[in-house]
Amino acid sequence: MKNHYVYAIKSLRDKRIYVGISQNPRKRLVGHNAGQTRSTKPFRPWVLIYSKMIGSRKEEKRMKSGYVKEWLRTLTNCYPR
């Protein structure tokens, strides 16, 4: 079974955070920045701010919760790129 990762990217345009799942988060980031994803295309460019190997979709759903997104936003505001 291949590893899956939950990842979070942050828009440099308006600071929004997008959480997704991928086998290769860095390659997926390239796709987001190339405009291959409708929901993220208008907010390019994106930077990868978090990735973690996961064991289930349940963990991905938890990561997509408002609480975790707010935690990521706070964390990235403390350590801006």
C-alpha atoms as a PDB file:
ATOM      1  CA  MET A   1       0.000   0.000   0.000  1.00  0.00           C
ATOM      2  CA  LYS A   2       1.332   3.439  -0.921  1.00  0.00           C
ATOM      3  CA  ASN A   3       1.740   6.142   1.670  1.00  0.00           C
ATOM      4  CA  HIS A   4      -0.731   8.999   1.702  1.00  0.00           C
ATOM      5  CA  TYR A   5      -0.130  12.412   3.186  1.00  0.00           C
ATOM      6  CA  VAL A   6      -2.440  15.104   4.393  1.00  0.00           C
ATOM      7  CA  TYR A   7      -0.985  18.441   3.359  1.00  0.00           C
ATOM      8  CA  ALA A   8      -1.764  22.110   3.831  1.00  0.00           C
ATOM      9  CA  ILE A   9      -0.852  24.897   1.457  1.00  0.00           C
ATOM     10  CA  LYS A  10      -1.141  28.622   2.071  1.00  0.00           C
ATOM     11  CA  SER A  11      -1.933  31.234  -0.553  1.00  0.00           C
ATOM     12  CA  LEU A  12       0.612  34.024  -0.774  1.00  0.00           C
ATOM     13  CA  ARG A  13      -2.114  36.170  -2.336  1.00  0.00           C
ATOM     14  CA  ASP A  14      -4.683  36.236   0.460  1.00  0.00           C
ATOM     15  CA  LYS A  15      -3.360  33.893   3.183  1.00  0.00           C
ATOM     16  CA  ARG A  16      -6.136  31.300   2.793  1.00  0.00           C
ATOM     17  CA  ILE A  17      -5.282  27.687   3.671  1.00  0.00           C
ATOM     18  CA  TYR A  18      -6.198  24.630   1.599  1.00  0.00           C
ATOM     19  CA  VAL A  19      -5.953  21.102   3.042  1.00  0.00           C
ATOM     20  CA  GLY A  20      -5.781  18.030   0.807  1.00  0.00           C
ATOM     21  CA  ILE A  21      -4.514  14.472   0.552  1.00  0.00           C
ATOM     22  CA  SER A  22      -1.877  13.165  -1.851  1.00  0.00           C
ATOM     23  CA  GLN A  23       0.770  10.495  -2.298  1.00  0.00           C
ATOM     24  CA  ASN A  24       3.237  13.249  -3.230  1.00  0.00           C
ATOM     25  CA  PRO A  25       2.463  16.653  -1.651  1.00  0.00           C
ATOM     26  CA  ARG A  26       5.335  18.498  -3.363  1.00  0.00           C
ATOM     27  CA  LYS A  27       4.212  17.301  -6.798  1.00  0.00           C
ATOM     28  CA  ARG A  28       0.635  18.214  -5.896  1.00  0.00           C
ATOM     29  CA  LEU A  29       1.810  21.722  -4.944  1.00  0.00           C
ATOM     30  CA  VAL A  30       3.261  22.129  -8.439  1.00  0.00           C
ATOM     31  CA  GLY A  31      -0.179  21.240  -9.823  1.00  0.00           C
ATOM     32  CA  HIS A  32      -1.900  23.795  -7.593  1.00  0.00           C
ATOM     33  CA  ASN A  33       0.531  26.498  -8.706  1.00  0.00           C
ATOM     34  CA  ALA A  34       0.072  25.517 -12.369  1.00  0.00           C
ATOM     35  CA  GLY A  35      -3.676  26.145 -12.048  1.00  0.00           C
ATOM     36  CA  GLN A  36      -4.723  22.496 -12.396  1.00  0.00           C
ATOM     37  CA  THR A  37      -7.155  22.676  -9.453  1.00  0.00           C
ATOM     38  CA  ARG A  38     -10.246  24.824  -9.938  1.00  0.00           C
ATOM     39  CA  SER A  39     -10.697  25.649  -6.243  1.00  0.00           C
ATOM     40  CA  THR A  40      -7.127  26.897  -5.763  1.00  0.00           C
ATOM     41  CA  LYS A  41      -6.385  28.425  -9.170  1.00  0.00           C
ATOM     42  CA  PRO A  42      -7.583  31.987  -8.379  1.00  0.00           C
ATOM     43  CA  PHE A  43      -5.433  32.219  -5.257  1.00  0.00           C
ATOM     44  CA  ARG A  44      -2.012  31.307  -6.666  1.00  0.00           C
ATOM     45  CA  PRO A  45       0.823  31.212  -5.744  1.00  0.00           C
ATOM     46  CA  TRP A  46       0.781  28.627  -2.945  1.00  0.00           C
ATOM     47  CA  VAL A  47       3.431  27.390  -0.518  1.00  0.00           C
ATOM     48  CA  LEU A  48       3.465  24.065   1.295  1.00  0.00           C
ATOM     49  CA  ILE A  49       3.176  24.731   5.022  1.00  0.00           C
ATOM     50  CA  TYR A  50       2.462  21.251   6.411  1.00  0.00           C
ATOM     51  CA  SER A  51       2.504  17.596   5.416  1.00  0.00           C
ATOM     52  CA  LYS A  52       2.082  14.442   7.465  1.00  0.00           C
ATOM     53  CA  MET A  53       1.804  10.770   6.571  1.00  0.00           C
ATOM     54  CA  ILE A  54      -1.654   9.539   7.526  1.00  0.00           C
ATOM     55  CA  GLY A  55      -3.260   6.210   8.122  1.00  0.00           C
ATOM     56  CA  SER A  56      -6.846   7.018   7.188  1.00  0.00           C
ATOM     57  CA  ARG A  57      -9.284   9.416   5.542  1.00  0.00           C
ATOM     58  CA  LYS A  58     -10.641  10.065   9.045  1.00  0.00           C
ATOM     59  CA  GLU A  59      -7.427  11.891   9.887  1.00  0.00           C
ATOM     60  CA  GLU A  60      -7.740  13.959   6.712  1.00  0.00           C
ATOM     61  CA  LYS A  61     -11.261  14.999   7.716  1.00  0.00           C
ATOM     62  CA  ARG A  62      -9.963  16.068  11.131  1.00  0.00           C
ATOM     63  CA  MET A  63      -7.237  18.134   9.457  1.00  0.00           C
ATOM     64  CA  LYS A  64      -9.848  19.881   7.310  1.00  0.00           C
ATOM     65  CA  SER A  65     -11.757  21.020  10.397  1.00  0.00           C
ATOM     66  CA  GLY A  66     -11.921  24.710  11.175  1.00  0.00           C
ATOM     67  CA  TYR A  67      -9.938  24.262  14.389  1.00  0.00           C
ATOM     68  CA  VAL A  68      -6.919  22.726  12.669  1.00  0.00           C
ATOM     69  CA  LYS A  69      -6.995  25.267   9.832  1.00  0.00           C
ATOM     70  CA  GLU A  70      -7.008  28.069  12.407  1.00  0.00           C
ATOM     71  CA  TRP A  71      -4.072  26.433  14.224  1.00  0.00           C
ATOM     72  CA  LEU A  72      -2.127  26.273  10.935  1.00  0.00           C
ATOM     73  CA  ARG A  73      -2.979  29.905  10.192  1.00  0.00           C
ATOM     74  CA  THR A  74      -1.746  30.985  13.643  1.00  0.00           C
ATOM     75  CA  LEU A  75       1.412  28.919  13.275  1.00  0.00           C
ATOM     76  CA  THR A  76       2.272  30.378   9.878  1.00  0.00           C
ATOM     77  CA  ASN A  77       1.597  33.922  11.078  1.00  0.00           C
ATOM     78  CA  CYS A  78       4.137  33.371  13.871  1.00  0.00           C
ATOM     79  CA  TYR A  79       6.711  32.075  11.382  1.00  0.00           C
ATOM     80  CA  PRO A  80       6.029  33.853   8.076  1.00  0.00           C
ATOM     81  CA  ARG A  81       7.819  32.804   4.902  1.00  0.00           C
END
